[in-house]
């Protein structure tokens, strides 16, 4: 698993969670910059972990 694949999955799952276009997500921004709170964050970590099988 390489960094670009991991970045792609994180971007995809974040865009799905926030219902926004993946092209709007910048790699240098924090989740907080997108309004991710603790509830969204927990669910996001779960879906990313499942997608990456970790």
N, C-alpha and C. Protein backbone atom coordinates (compact mmCIF):
# COMPACT_ATOMS: atom_id res chain seq x y z
N UNK A 1 0.86 -1.17 0.00
CA UNK A 1 0.00 0.00 0.00
C UNK A 1 0.91 1.23 0.00
N UNK A 2 0.74 2.07 -1.00
CA UNK A 2 1.58 3.26 -1.09
C UNK A 2 0.82 4.51 -0.64
N UNK A 3 1.57 5.58 -0.47
CA UNK A 3 1.01 6.83 0.06
C UNK A 3 -0.07 7.41 -0.85
N UNK A 4 0.11 7.32 -2.16
CA UNK A 4 -0.88 7.91 -3.06
C UNK A 4 -2.21 7.16 -2.99
N UNK A 5 -2.15 5.84 -2.83
CA UNK A 5 -3.38 5.05 -2.69
C UNK A 5 -4.08 5.41 -1.38
N UNK A 6 -3.31 5.51 -0.31
CA UNK A 6 -3.86 5.87 1.00
C UNK A 6 -4.50 7.25 0.94
N UNK A 7 -3.83 8.20 0.32
CA UNK A 7 -4.37 9.56 0.17
C UNK A 7 -5.67 9.54 -0.64
N UNK A 8 -5.71 8.72 -1.68
CA UNK A 8 -6.91 8.60 -2.51
C UNK A 8 -8.09 8.08 -1.69
N UNK A 9 -7.85 7.05 -0.89
CA UNK A 9 -8.92 6.48 -0.07
C UNK A 9 -9.41 7.50 0.96
N UNK A 10 -8.48 8.19 1.61
CA UNK A 10 -8.87 9.19 2.61
C UNK A 10 -9.70 10.29 1.96
N UNK A 11 -9.27 10.76 0.81
CA UNK A 11 -10.01 11.80 0.09
C UNK A 11 -11.40 11.31 -0.29
N UNK A 12 -11.47 10.10 -0.80
CA UNK A 12 -12.75 9.52 -1.22
C UNK A 12 -13.70 9.40 -0.03
N UNK A 13 -13.23 8.85 1.06
CA UNK A 13 -14.09 8.64 2.23
C UNK A 13 -14.48 9.96 2.89
N UNK A 14 -13.57 10.92 2.92
CA UNK A 14 -13.90 12.24 3.47
C UNK A 14 -14.95 12.92 2.61
N UNK A 15 -14.80 12.85 1.31
CA UNK A 15 -15.78 13.49 0.43
C UNK A 15 -17.15 12.83 0.55
N UNK A 16 -17.18 11.51 0.73
CA UNK A 16 -18.45 10.82 0.93
C UNK A 16 -19.10 11.24 2.25
N UNK A 17 -18.29 11.30 3.31
CA UNK A 17 -18.82 11.65 4.63
C UNK A 17 -19.38 13.07 4.65
N UNK A 18 -18.74 13.96 3.91
CA UNK A 18 -19.15 15.37 3.92
C UNK A 18 -20.05 15.73 2.74
N UNK A 19 -20.31 14.74 1.88
CA UNK A 19 -21.16 14.94 0.70
C UNK A 19 -20.65 16.13 -0.13
N UNK A 20 -19.36 16.07 -0.45
CA UNK A 20 -18.77 17.12 -1.26
C UNK A 20 -17.91 16.49 -2.35
N UNK A 21 -17.63 17.26 -3.37
CA UNK A 21 -16.82 16.79 -4.49
C UNK A 21 -15.39 16.53 -4.03
N UNK A 22 -14.82 15.37 -4.38
CA UNK A 22 -13.44 15.06 -3.97
C UNK A 22 -12.43 16.09 -4.43
N UNK A 23 -12.69 16.76 -5.54
CA UNK A 23 -11.75 17.75 -6.05
C UNK A 23 -11.65 18.98 -5.14
N UNK A 24 -12.61 19.13 -4.23
CA UNK A 24 -12.61 20.26 -3.30
C UNK A 24 -11.73 20.00 -2.07
N UNK A 25 -11.25 18.77 -1.92
CA UNK A 25 -10.47 18.41 -0.74
C UNK A 25 -8.99 18.60 -1.04
N UNK A 26 -8.35 19.42 -0.20
CA UNK A 26 -6.92 19.70 -0.35
C UNK A 26 -6.13 18.78 0.57
N UNK A 27 -5.02 18.31 0.09
CA UNK A 27 -4.17 17.41 0.87
C UNK A 27 -3.48 18.08 2.04
N UNK A 28 -3.40 19.40 2.02
CA UNK A 28 -2.70 20.12 3.08
C UNK A 28 -3.63 20.68 4.15
N UNK A 29 -4.91 20.38 4.06
CA UNK A 29 -5.89 20.88 5.03
C UNK A 29 -6.18 19.80 6.08
N UNK A 30 -6.52 20.25 7.27
CA UNK A 30 -6.87 19.31 8.33
C UNK A 30 -8.35 18.94 8.23
N UNK A 31 -8.73 17.86 8.87
CA UNK A 31 -10.14 17.48 8.89
C UNK A 31 -10.97 18.59 9.52
N UNK A 32 -10.44 19.25 10.53
CA UNK A 32 -11.16 20.34 11.20
C UNK A 32 -11.46 21.47 10.23
N UNK A 33 -10.59 21.68 9.25
CA UNK A 33 -10.84 22.72 8.25
C UNK A 33 -12.11 22.44 7.46
N UNK A 34 -12.51 21.18 7.41
CA UNK A 34 -13.72 20.80 6.69
C UNK A 34 -14.92 20.61 7.61
N UNK A 35 -14.74 20.94 8.89
CA UNK A 35 -15.84 20.84 9.84
C UNK A 35 -16.07 19.45 10.39
N UNK A 36 -15.06 18.59 10.31
CA UNK A 36 -15.19 17.24 10.84
C UNK A 36 -15.18 17.31 12.36
N UNK A 37 -16.28 16.86 12.97
CA UNK A 37 -16.35 16.83 14.43
C UNK A 37 -16.05 15.41 14.91
N UNK A 38 -16.19 15.18 16.20
CA UNK A 38 -15.81 13.87 16.76
C UNK A 38 -16.68 12.74 16.23
N UNK A 39 -17.95 12.97 16.04
CA UNK A 39 -18.85 11.93 15.53
C UNK A 39 -18.48 11.57 14.10
N UNK A 40 -18.34 12.57 13.26
CA UNK A 40 -17.95 12.32 11.87
C UNK A 40 -16.57 11.68 11.85
N UNK A 41 -15.67 12.15 12.70
CA UNK A 41 -14.30 11.64 12.74
C UNK A 41 -14.24 10.16 13.08
N UNK A 42 -15.01 9.73 14.07
CA UNK A 42 -15.03 8.32 14.45
C UNK A 42 -15.53 7.46 13.29
N UNK A 43 -16.61 7.89 12.66
CA UNK A 43 -17.14 7.14 11.52
C UNK A 43 -16.17 7.15 10.35
N UNK A 44 -15.51 8.27 10.14
CA UNK A 44 -14.55 8.39 9.05
C UNK A 44 -13.37 7.45 9.26
N UNK A 45 -12.84 7.41 10.47
CA UNK A 45 -11.73 6.51 10.77
C UNK A 45 -12.15 5.06 10.54
N UNK A 46 -13.37 4.71 10.94
CA UNK A 46 -13.86 3.35 10.74
C UNK A 46 -13.94 3.00 9.26
N UNK A 47 -14.51 3.89 8.45
CA UNK A 47 -14.65 3.59 7.02
C UNK A 47 -13.30 3.57 6.30
N UNK A 48 -12.39 4.44 6.71
CA UNK A 48 -11.04 4.43 6.12
C UNK A 48 -10.33 3.14 6.49
N UNK A 49 -10.43 2.74 7.75
CA UNK A 49 -9.79 1.50 8.21
C UNK A 49 -10.33 0.29 7.46
N UNK A 50 -11.63 0.26 7.26
CA UNK A 50 -12.24 -0.85 6.51
C UNK A 50 -11.74 -0.86 5.07
N UNK A 51 -11.70 0.31 4.45
CA UNK A 51 -11.28 0.40 3.05
C UNK A 51 -9.82 -0.02 2.87
N UNK A 52 -8.99 0.33 3.86
CA UNK A 52 -7.56 0.01 3.78
C UNK A 52 -7.25 -1.35 4.42
N UNK A 53 -8.29 -1.97 4.98
CA UNK A 53 -8.16 -3.27 5.64
C UNK A 53 -7.10 -3.26 6.74
N UNK A 54 -7.21 -2.24 7.60
CA UNK A 54 -6.28 -2.15 8.74
C UNK A 54 -7.05 -2.15 10.04
